[in-house]
PDB file of N, CA and C in Angstrom:
ATOM      1  N   MET A   1     103.970 123.768 105.314  1.00  0.00           N
ATOM      2  CA  MET A   1     104.563 124.036 106.725  1.00  0.00           C
ATOM      3  C   MET A   1     105.180 125.455 106.881  1.00  0.00           C
ATOM      4  N   ILE A   2     105.397 126.015 107.689  1.00  0.00           N
ATOM      5  CA  ILE A   2     105.573 127.992 108.016  1.00  0.00           C
ATOM      6  C   ILE A   2     106.818 128.025 108.822  1.00  0.00           C
ATOM      7  N   LYS A   3     107.649 128.351 108.387  1.00  0.00           N
ATOM      8  CA  LYS A   3     109.094 128.510 109.521  1.00  0.00           C
ATOM      9  C   LYS A   3     109.162 130.296 109.614  1.00  0.00           C
ATOM     10  N   LYS A   4     109.213 130.467 111.036  1.00  0.00           N
ATOM     11  CA  LYS A   4     109.465 131.858 111.223  1.00  0.00           C
ATOM     12  C   LYS A   4     110.916 132.186 111.739  1.00  0.00           C
ATOM     13  N   GLN A   5     111.758 133.096 111.464  1.00  0.00           N
ATOM     14  CA  GLN A   5     112.883 133.145 112.034  1.00  0.00           C
ATOM     15  C   GLN A   5     113.565 134.543 112.390  1.00  0.00           C
ATOM     16  N   ALA A   6     113.624 135.072 113.353  1.00  0.00           N
ATOM     17  CA  ALA A   6     113.474 136.333 113.534  1.00  0.00           C
ATOM     18  C   ALA A   6     115.288 137.137 112.917  1.00  0.00           C
ATOM     19  N   ILE A   7     115.188 137.803 112.578  1.00  0.00           N
ATOM     20  CA  ILE A   7     116.419 138.433 111.964  1.00  0.00           C
ATOM     21  C   ILE A   7     116.797 139.735 112.727  1.00  0.00           C
ATOM     22  N   LYS A   8     117.881 139.342 113.849  1.00  0.00           N
ATOM     23  CA  LYS A   8     118.555 139.867 114.668  1.00  0.00           C
ATOM     24  C   LYS A   8     118.615 141.229 114.247  1.00  0.00           C
ATOM     25  N   LYS A   9     118.400 142.151 115.230  1.00  0.00           N
ATOM     26  CA  LYS A   9     118.403 144.144 115.300  1.00  0.00           C
ATOM     27  C   LYS A   9     117.624 144.260 114.099  1.00  0.00           C
ATOM     28  N   SER A  10     117.161 143.698 113.392  1.00  0.00           N
ATOM     29  CA  SER A  10     116.149 144.600 112.700  1.00  0.00           C
ATOM     30  C   SER A  10     114.591 144.736 112.668  1.00  0.00           C
ATOM     31  N   GLY A  11     113.985 143.964 113.604  1.00  0.00           N
ATOM     32  CA  GLY A  11     112.807 144.490 113.742  1.00  0.00           C
ATOM     33  C   GLY A  11     112.075 143.339 112.744  1.00  0.00           C
ATOM     34  N   GLU A  12     112.682 142.200 111.963  1.00  0.00           N
ATOM     35  CA  GLU A  12     111.743 141.664 110.968  1.00  0.00           C
ATOM     36  C   GLU A  12     112.264 140.539 111.166  1.00  0.00           C
ATOM     37  N   VAL A  13     111.286 139.328 110.427  1.00  0.00           N
ATOM     38  CA  VAL A  13     111.417 138.388 110.515  1.00  0.00           C
ATOM     39  C   VAL A  13     111.081 137.384 108.851  1.00  0.00           C
ATOM     40  N   LYS A  14     111.990 136.495 108.866  1.00  0.00           N
ATOM     41  CA  LYS A  14     111.760 135.805 107.638  1.00  0.00           C
ATOM     42  C   LYS A  14     110.819 134.554 107.479  1.00  0.00           C
ATOM     43  N   VAL A  15     109.748 134.756 106.738  1.00  0.00           N
ATOM     44  CA  VAL A  15     109.049 133.334 106.951  1.00  0.00           C
ATOM     45  C   VAL A  15     109.048 132.764 105.712  1.00  0.00           C
ATOM     46  N   THR A  16     109.596 131.662 105.732  1.00  0.00           N
ATOM     47  CA  THR A  16     109.615 130.633 104.396  1.00  0.00           C
ATOM     48  C   THR A  16     108.181 129.596 104.716  1.00  0.00           C
ATOM     49  N   PHE A  17     107.522 129.590 103.485  1.00  0.00           N
ATOM     50  CA  PHE A  17     106.185 128.596 103.566  1.00  0.00           C
ATOM     51  C   PHE A  17     106.946 127.627 102.652  1.00  0.00           C
ATOM     52  N   THR A  18     106.518 126.378 103.060  1.00  0.00           N
ATOM     53  CA  THR A  18     106.859 125.060 102.182  1.00  0.00           C
ATOM     54  C   THR A  18     105.671 124.150 101.941  1.00  0.00           C
ATOM     55  N   LEU A  19     105.953 123.795 100.616  1.00  0.00           N
ATOM     56  CA  LEU A  19     105.027 122.778 100.532  1.00  0.00           C
ATOM     57  C   LEU A  19     105.740 121.613 100.182  1.00  0.00           C
ATOM     58  N   PRO A  20     104.722 120.689 100.372  1.00  0.00           N
ATOM     59  CA  PRO A  20     105.813 119.181 100.240  1.00  0.00           C
ATOM     60  C   PRO A  20     105.705 118.500  99.169  1.00  0.00           C
ATOM     61  N   ALA A  21     106.818 117.507  98.684  1.00  0.00           N
ATOM     62  CA  ALA A  21     106.740 116.850  97.360  1.00  0.00           C
ATOM     63  C   ALA A  21     105.754 116.176  96.946  1.00  0.00           C
ATOM     64  N   GLY A  22     105.007 116.578  95.672  1.00  0.00           N
ATOM     65  CA  GLY A  22     103.891 115.826  95.088  1.00  0.00           C
ATOM     66  C   GLY A  22     102.792 116.698  95.376  1.00  0.00           C
ATOM     67  N   HIS A  23     102.983 117.898  96.346  1.00  0.00           N
ATOM     68  CA  HIS A  23     101.335 118.232  96.565  1.00  0.00           C
ATOM     69  C   HIS A  23     100.656 118.251  95.296  1.00  0.00           C
ATOM     70  N   PRO A  24      99.378 118.258  95.121  1.00  0.00           N
ATOM     71  CA  PRO A  24      98.441 118.030  94.070  1.00  0.00           C
ATOM     72  C   PRO A  24      98.142 119.410  93.265  1.00  0.00           C
ATOM     73  N   HIS A  25      98.717 120.712  93.704  1.00  0.00           N
ATOM     74  CA  HIS A  25      98.387 121.896  93.285  1.00  0.00           C
ATOM     75  C   HIS A  25      99.073 122.523  91.977  1.00  0.00           C
ATOM     76  N   GLY A  26     100.098 121.798  91.529  1.00  0.00           N
ATOM     77  CA  GLY A  26     100.945 122.223  90.613  1.00  0.00           C
ATOM     78  C   GLY A  26     101.445 123.311  90.800  1.00  0.00           C
ATOM     79  N   PRO A  27     101.757 124.223  89.765  1.00  0.00           N
ATOM     80  CA  PRO A  27     102.345 125.039  89.937  1.00  0.00           C
ATOM     81  C   PRO A  27     102.386 126.451  91.087  1.00  0.00           C
ATOM     82  N   SER A  28     102.259 126.736  92.178  1.00  0.00           N
ATOM     83  CA  SER A  28     101.611 127.489  93.447  1.00  0.00           C
ATOM     84  C   SER A  28     102.580 128.844  93.407  1.00  0.00           C
ATOM     85  N   SER A  29     102.058 129.841  94.479  1.00  0.00           N
ATOM     86  CA  SER A  29     102.647 130.931  94.595  1.00  0.00           C
ATOM     87  C   SER A  29     101.582 131.146  96.287  1.00  0.00           C
ATOM     88  N   VAL A  30     102.590 131.941  97.014  1.00  0.00           N
ATOM     89  CA  VAL A  30     101.744 132.890  98.190  1.00  0.00           C
ATOM     90  C   VAL A  30     101.121 134.270  98.105  1.00  0.00           C
ATOM     91  N   VAL A  31      99.986 134.149  98.209  1.00  0.00           N
ATOM     92  CA  VAL A  31      99.392 135.566  97.951  1.00  0.00           C
ATOM     93  C   VAL A  31      98.880 136.214  98.714  1.00  0.00           C
ATOM     94  N   GLY A  32      99.193 137.457  99.366  1.00  0.00           N
ATOM     95  CA  GLY A  32      98.361 137.715 101.221  1.00  0.00           C
ATOM     96  C   GLY A  32      98.945 139.201 100.779  1.00  0.00           C
ATOM     97  N   ASP A  33      97.895 139.999 101.645  1.00  0.00           N
ATOM     98  CA  ASP A  33      98.026 141.499 102.063  1.00  0.00           C
ATOM     99  C   ASP A  33      99.538 141.846 101.952  1.00  0.00           C
ATOM    100  N   PHE A  34     100.384 141.014 102.159  1.00  0.00           N
ATOM    101  CA  PHE A  34     102.194 141.537 102.411  1.00  0.00           C
ATOM    102  C   PHE A  34     102.706 141.773 101.224  1.00  0.00           C
ATOM    103  N   ASN A  35     101.941 141.030 100.074  1.00  0.00           N
ATOM    104  CA  ASN A  35     102.478 141.511  99.048  1.00  0.00           C
ATOM    105  C   ASN A  35     101.568 141.954  97.415  1.00  0.00           C
ATOM    106  N   GLY A  36     100.266 142.652  98.139  1.00  0.00           N
ATOM    107  CA  GLY A  36      99.212 142.799  97.412  1.00  0.00           C
ATOM    108  C   GLY A  36      98.719 141.841  96.626  1.00  0.00           C
ATOM    109  N   TRP A  37      98.798 140.473  96.852  1.00  0.00           N
ATOM    110  CA  TRP A  37      97.582 139.533  96.148  1.00  0.00           C
ATOM    111  C   TRP A  37      98.110 139.554  95.269  1.00  0.00           C
ATOM    112  N   ASP A  38      99.602 139.439  94.952  1.00  0.00           N
ATOM    113  CA  ASP A  38      99.978 139.172  93.231  1.00  0.00           C
ATOM    114  C   ASP A  38     100.809 137.731  93.539  1.00  0.00           C
ATOM    115  N   PRO A  39     100.497 137.007  92.723  1.00  0.00           N
ATOM    116  CA  PRO A  39     100.802 135.661  92.239  1.00  0.00           C
ATOM    117  C   PRO A  39     102.023 135.863  91.960  1.00  0.00           C
ATOM    118  N   LEU A  40     102.619 136.703  91.282  1.00  0.00           N
ATOM    119  CA  LEU A  40     103.729 136.364  90.496  1.00  0.00           C
ATOM    120  C   LEU A  40     104.859 136.896  91.591  1.00  0.00           C
ATOM    121  N   LYS A  41     104.667 137.359  92.622  1.00  0.00           N
ATOM    122  CA  LYS A  41     105.562 138.252  93.594  1.00  0.00           C
ATOM    123  C   LYS A  41     106.490 136.982  94.308  1.00  0.00           C
ATOM    124  N   ASN A  42     105.552 136.055  94.686  1.00  0.00           N
ATOM    125  CA  ASN A  42     106.242 135.068  95.349  1.00  0.00           C
ATOM    126  C   ASN A  42     105.873 133.571  95.039  1.00  0.00           C
ATOM    127  N   PRO A  43     106.314 132.658  94.043  1.00  0.00           N
ATOM    128  CA  PRO A  43     105.894 131.702  93.599  1.00  0.00           C
ATOM    129  C   PRO A  43     106.670 130.519  94.210  1.00  0.00           C
ATOM    130  N   PHE A  44     106.609 129.343  94.829  1.00  0.00           N
ATOM    131  CA  PHE A  44     107.168 128.348  94.815  1.00  0.00           C
ATOM    132  C   PHE A  44     108.146 127.698  93.930  1.00  0.00           C
ATOM    133  N   ALA A  45     109.599 127.439  94.345  1.00  0.00           N
ATOM    134  CA  ALA A  45     110.432 126.856  93.542  1.00  0.00           C
ATOM    135  C   ALA A  45     110.935 125.378  94.410  1.00  0.00           C
ATOM    136  N   LYS A  46     110.833 124.495  93.546  1.00  0.00           N
ATOM    137  CA  LYS A  46     111.121 123.276  93.642  1.00  0.00           C
ATOM    138  C   LYS A  46     112.917 123.474  94.756  1.00  0.00           C
ATOM    139  N   ARG A  47     112.891 122.800  95.395  1.00  0.00           N
ATOM    140  CA  ARG A  47     114.365 122.602  95.973  1.00  0.00           C
ATOM    141  C   ARG A  47     115.028 120.866  95.754  1.00  0.00           C
ATOM    142  N   SER A  48     115.981 120.867  96.282  1.00  0.00           N
ATOM    143  CA  SER A  48     116.767 119.522  95.768  1.00  0.00           C
ATOM    144  C   SER A  48     115.807 118.304  96.830  1.00  0.00           C
ATOM    145  N   ASN A  49     115.332 118.678  97.643  1.00  0.00           N
ATOM    146  CA  ASN A  49     114.767 117.104  98.469  1.00  0.00           C
ATOM    147  C   ASN A  49     113.051 117.326  97.955  1.00  0.00           C
ATOM    148  N   GLY A  50     112.572 117.598  96.701  1.00  0.00           N
ATOM    149  CA  GLY A  50     111.520 117.755  96.422  1.00  0.00           C
ATOM    150  C   GLY A  50     110.765 118.560  96.930  1.00  0.00           C
ATOM    151  N   THR A  51     110.896 119.080  97.688  1.00  0.00           N
ATOM    152  CA  THR A  51     110.008 120.363  98.558  1.00  0.00           C
ATOM    153  C   THR A  51     109.504 121.499  97.590  1.00  0.00           C
ATOM    154  N   PHE A  52     108.620 122.622  97.898  1.00  0.00           N
ATOM    155  CA  PHE A  52     108.663 123.598  96.848  1.00  0.00           C
ATOM    156  C   PHE A  52     108.599 124.605  98.134  1.00  0.00           C
ATOM    157  N   SER A  53     109.285 125.898  97.984  1.00  0.00           N
ATOM    158  CA  SER A  53     109.357 126.726  99.244  1.00  0.00           C
ATOM    159  C   SER A  53     109.277 128.473  98.484  1.00  0.00           C
ATOM    160  N   THR A  54     108.880 129.479  99.340  1.00  0.00           N
ATOM    161  CA  THR A  54     109.297 130.548  99.145  1.00  0.00           C
ATOM    162  C   THR A  54     109.436 131.489 100.514  1.00  0.00           C
ATOM    163  N   SER A  55     110.221 132.450  99.856  1.00  0.00           N
ATOM    164  CA  SER A  55     110.274 133.090 101.507  1.00  0.00           C
ATOM    165  C   SER A  55     109.841 134.431 101.363  1.00  0.00           C
ATOM    166  N   VAL A  56     109.378 135.525 102.528  1.00  0.00           N
ATOM    167  CA  VAL A  56     108.775 136.838 102.480  1.00  0.00           C
ATOM    168  C   VAL A  56     109.464 137.132 103.844  1.00  0.00           C
ATOM    169  N   THR A  57     110.266 138.581 103.895  1.00  0.00           N
ATOM    170  CA  THR A  57     110.531 139.457 104.965  1.00  0.00           C
ATOM    171  C   THR A  57     109.409 140.122 105.447  1.00  0.00           C
ATOM    172  N   LEU A  58     108.902 139.705 106.864  1.00  0.00           N
ATOM    173  CA  LEU A  58     107.847 140.903 107.406  1.00  0.00           C
ATOM    174  C   LEU A  58     108.281 141.199 108.767  1.00  0.00           C
ATOM    175  N   GLY A  59     107.767 142.664 109.273  1.00  0.00           N
ATOM    176  CA  GLY A  59     108.129 143.291 110.183  1.00  0.00           C
ATOM    177  C   GLY A  59     107.696 142.265 111.235  1.00  0.00           C
ATOM    178  N   ALA A  60     107.963 142.478 112.475  1.00  0.00           N
ATOM    179  CA  ALA A  60     107.769 141.427 113.834  1.00  0.00           C
ATOM    180  C   ALA A  60     106.606 142.268 114.328  1.00  0.00           C
ATOM    181  N   GLY A  61     105.708 141.119 115.025  1.00  0.00           N
ATOM    182  CA  GLY A  61     104.326 141.293 115.626  1.00  0.00           C
ATOM    183  C   GLY A  61     103.552 142.129 114.775  1.00  0.00           C
ATOM    184  N   GLU A  62     103.386 141.607 113.449  1.00  0.00           N
ATOM    185  CA  GLU A  62     102.360 142.034 112.732  1.00  0.00           C
ATOM    186  C   GLU A  62     101.370 140.975 112.068  1.00  0.00           C
ATOM    187  N   ARG A  63     100.391 141.153 111.932  1.00  0.00           N
ATOM    188  CA  ARG A  63      99.283 140.426 111.551  1.00  0.00           C
ATOM    189  C   ARG A  63      98.956 140.160 110.092  1.00  0.00           C
ATOM    190  N   HIS A  64      98.775 139.467 109.512  1.00  0.00           N
ATOM    191  CA  HIS A  64      98.881 139.389 107.729  1.00  0.00           C
ATOM    192  C   HIS A  64      97.710 138.293 107.588  1.00  0.00           C
ATOM    193  N   HIS A  65      97.159 138.707 106.316  1.00  0.00           N
ATOM    194  CA  HIS A  65      95.935 137.173 105.779  1.00  0.00           C
ATOM    195  C   HIS A  65      96.792 136.861 104.366  1.00  0.00           C
ATOM    196  N   PHE A  66      96.839 135.739 104.037  1.00  0.00           N
ATOM    197  CA  PHE A  66      97.114 134.973 102.874  1.00  0.00           C
ATOM    198  C   PHE A  66      96.259 133.386 102.364  1.00  0.00           C
ATOM    199  N   ARG A  67      96.665 133.090 101.579  1.00  0.00           N
ATOM    200  CA  ARG A  67      96.455 131.673 101.078  1.00  0.00           C
ATOM    201  C   ARG A  67      97.405 131.326  99.796  1.00  0.00           C
ATOM    202  N   TYR A  68      97.268 130.147  99.294  1.00  0.00           N
ATOM    203  CA  TYR A  68      98.090 129.418  98.400  1.00  0.00           C
ATOM    204  C   TYR A  68      97.204 129.716  97.396  1.00  0.00           C
ATOM    205  N   LEU A  69      97.783 130.192  95.922  1.00  0.00           N
ATOM    206  CA  LEU A  69      97.054 129.750  94.825  1.00  0.00           C
ATOM    207  C   LEU A  69      97.953 128.912  94.010  1.00  0.00           C
ATOM    208  N   GLY A  70      97.044 127.805  93.172  1.00  0.00           N
ATOM    209  CA  GLY A  70      97.898 126.905  93.082  1.00  0.00           C
ATOM    210  C   GLY A  70      97.219 126.664  91.265  1.00  0.00           C
ATOM    211  N   ASP A  71      97.552 126.051  90.390  1.00  0.00           N
ATOM    212  CA  ASP A  71      97.725 125.606  88.851  1.00  0.00           C
ATOM    213  C   ASP A  71      95.836 125.767  89.052  1.00  0.00           C
ATOM    214  N   GLY A  72      95.562 126.215  87.747  1.00  0.00           N
ATOM    215  CA  GLY A  72      94.064 126.897  87.431  1.00  0.00           C
ATOM    216  C   GLY A  72      93.271 127.236  88.250  1.00  0.00           C
ATOM    217  N   ASN A  73      93.608 128.409  88.808  1.00  0.00           N
ATOM    218  CA  ASN A  73      92.997 129.423  90.125  1.00  0.00           C
ATOM    219  C   ASN A  73      92.648 128.621  91.047  1.00  0.00           C
ATOM    220  N   THR A  74      93.083 127.241  91.627  1.00  0.00           N
ATOM    221  CA  THR A  74      92.674 126.885  92.959  1.00  0.00           C
ATOM    222  C   THR A  74      93.472 127.613  94.169  1.00  0.00           C
ATOM    223  N   TRP A  75      92.717 127.690  94.846  1.00  0.00           N
ATOM    224  CA  TRP A  75      92.832 128.479  96.435  1.00  0.00           C
ATOM    225  C   TRP A  75      93.285 127.298  97.258  1.00  0.00           C
ATOM    226  N   PHE A  76      93.710 127.293  98.269  1.00  0.00           N
ATOM    227  CA  PHE A  76      94.140 126.177  99.111  1.00  0.00           C
ATOM    228  C   PHE A  76      94.937 126.839 100.307  1.00  0.00           C
ATOM    229  N   ASP A  77      94.793 125.892 101.537  1.00  0.00           N
ATOM    230  CA  ASP A  77      95.284 126.756 102.999  1.00  0.00           C
ATOM    231  C   ASP A  77      96.292 126.051 103.540  1.00  0.00           C
ATOM    232  N   GLU A  78      96.892 126.931 104.195  1.00  0.00           N
ATOM    233  CA  GLU A  78      97.933 126.278 104.903  1.00  0.00           C
ATOM    234  C   GLU A  78      97.832 125.656 106.172  1.00  0.00           C
ATOM    235  N   PRO A  79      97.654 124.527 106.468  1.00  0.00           N
ATOM    236  CA  PRO A  79      96.947 124.011 107.823  1.00  0.00           C
ATOM    237  C   PRO A  79      97.797 124.085 109.012  1.00  0.00           C
ATOM    238  N   GLU A  80      98.959 124.710 109.096  1.00  0.00           N
ATOM    239  CA  GLU A  80      99.929 125.311 109.934  1.00  0.00           C
ATOM    240  C   GLU A  80      99.755 126.795 110.222  1.00  0.00           C
ATOM    241  N   ALA A  81      98.850 127.517 109.810  1.00  0.00           N
ATOM    242  CA  ALA A  81      98.519 128.985 109.742  1.00  0.00           C
ATOM    243  C   ALA A  81      98.206 129.250 111.242  1.00  0.00           C
ATOM    244  N   ASP A  82      98.468 130.581 111.307  1.00  0.00           N
ATOM    245  CA  ASP A  82      98.122 130.974 112.964  1.00  0.00           C
ATOM    246  C   ASP A  82      96.409 130.921 113.197  1.00  0.00           C
ATOM    247  N   GLY A  83      95.707 131.022 112.122  1.00  0.00           N
ATOM    248  CA  GLY A  83      94.766 131.068 112.433  1.00  0.00           C
ATOM    249  C   GLY A  83      93.774 130.906 110.952  1.00  0.00           C
ATOM    250  N   HIS A  84      92.244 131.236 111.036  1.00  0.00           N
ATOM    251  CA  HIS A  84      91.623 131.351 109.966  1.00  0.00           C
ATOM    252  C   HIS A  84      90.778 131.892 109.946  1.00  0.00           C
ATOM    253  N   GLU A  85      90.240 133.217 108.822  1.00  0.00           N
ATOM    254  CA  GLU A  85      89.174 134.003 109.576  1.00  0.00           C
ATOM    255  C   GLU A  85      88.252 134.427 108.242  1.00  0.00           C
ATOM    256  N   SER A  86      87.303 134.459 108.398  1.00  0.00           N
ATOM    257  CA  SER A  86      86.319 134.831 107.112  1.00  0.00           C
ATOM    258  C   SER A  86      86.569 136.272 106.761  1.00  0.00           C
ATOM    259  N   THR A  87      86.522 136.472 105.204  1.00  0.00           N
ATOM    260  CA  THR A  87      86.685 137.792 104.325  1.00  0.00           C
ATOM    261  C   THR A  87      85.193 138.899 104.390  1.00  0.00           C
ATOM    262  N   GLY A  88      84.491 137.673 105.071  1.00  0.00           N
ATOM    263  CA  GLY A  88      83.172 138.646 105.073  1.00  0.00           C
ATOM    264  C   GLY A  88      82.306 138.374 103.788  1.00  0.00           C
ATOM    265  N   HIS A  89      83.243 137.576 102.784  1.00  0.00           N
ATOM    266  CA  HIS A  89      82.181 137.565 101.199  1.00  0.00           C
ATOM    267  C   HIS A  89      81.987 135.695 101.399  1.00  0.00           C
ATOM    268  N   GLY A  90      81.915 135.068 101.749  1.00  0.00           N
ATOM    269  CA  GLY A  90      81.624 133.726 101.970  1.00  0.00           C
ATOM    270  C   GLY A  90      83.072 133.140 101.878  1.00  0.00           C
ATOM    271  N   THR A  91      84.598 133.636 102.081  1.00  0.00           N
ATOM    272  CA  THR A  91      85.807 132.931 101.681  1.00  0.00           C
ATOM    273  C   THR A  91      86.277 132.942 102.930  1.00  0.00           C
ATOM    274  N   HIS A  92      87.294 132.904 103.087  1.00  0.00           N
ATOM    275  CA  HIS A  92      88.445 132.882 104.497  1.00  0.00           C
ATOM    276  C   HIS A  92      89.566 133.043 103.976  1.00  0.00           C
ATOM    277  N   ASN A  93      90.455 133.450 104.999  1.00  0.00           N
ATOM    278  CA  ASN A  93      92.186 133.797 104.634  1.00  0.00           C
ATOM    279  C   ASN A  93      92.357 132.812 105.776  1.00  0.00           C
ATOM    280  N   CYS A  94      93.838 132.327 105.725  1.00  0.00           N
ATOM    281  CA  CYS A  94      94.676 132.100 106.774  1.00  0.00           C
ATOM    282  C   CYS A  94      95.325 133.376 107.494  1.00  0.00           C
ATOM    283  N   VAL A  95      95.327 133.275 108.743  1.00  0.00           N
ATOM    284  CA  VAL A  95      96.368 134.357 109.179  1.00  0.00           C
ATOM    285  C   VAL A  95      97.635 133.933 109.680  1.00  0.00           C
ATOM    286  N   LEU A  96      98.528 134.784 109.594  1.00  0.00           N
ATOM    287  CA  LEU A  96     100.077 134.573 110.026  1.00  0.00           C
ATOM    288  C   LEU A  96     100.347 135.765 110.597  1.00  0.00           C
ATOM    289  N   LEU A  97     100.738 135.488 112.295  1.00  0.00           N
ATOM    290  CA  LEU A  97     101.314 136.316 112.858  1.00  0.00           C
ATOM    291  C   LEU A  97     103.068 135.986 113.360  1.00  0.00           C
ATOM    292  N   THR A  98     103.575 136.977 112.958  1.00  0.00           N
ATOM    293  CA  THR A  98     105.090 137.270 112.931  1.00  0.00           C
ATOM    294  C   THR A  98     105.554 137.705 114.376  1.00  0.00           C
TER     295      THR A  98
END
């Protein structure tokens, strides 16, 4: 799940990515062009309700590519992404519009 929240008078949007409790991919992170595709920058943390989340702050009106990276180098997608695009290398990325 993706939640977008405009930060008043800043021109920025807080984006929270959430994975359900018991998701099958083990320790995971969100990686994308907004964090240099670095899996150490935005790892998911477990919440008190059992779900996992991480947040980033991005500029409003931007377009970003991202994916989730799970245990064992397993890539997986966000079903609620704003879209999906081919990378031209036989793979695809999720699209996030802020």
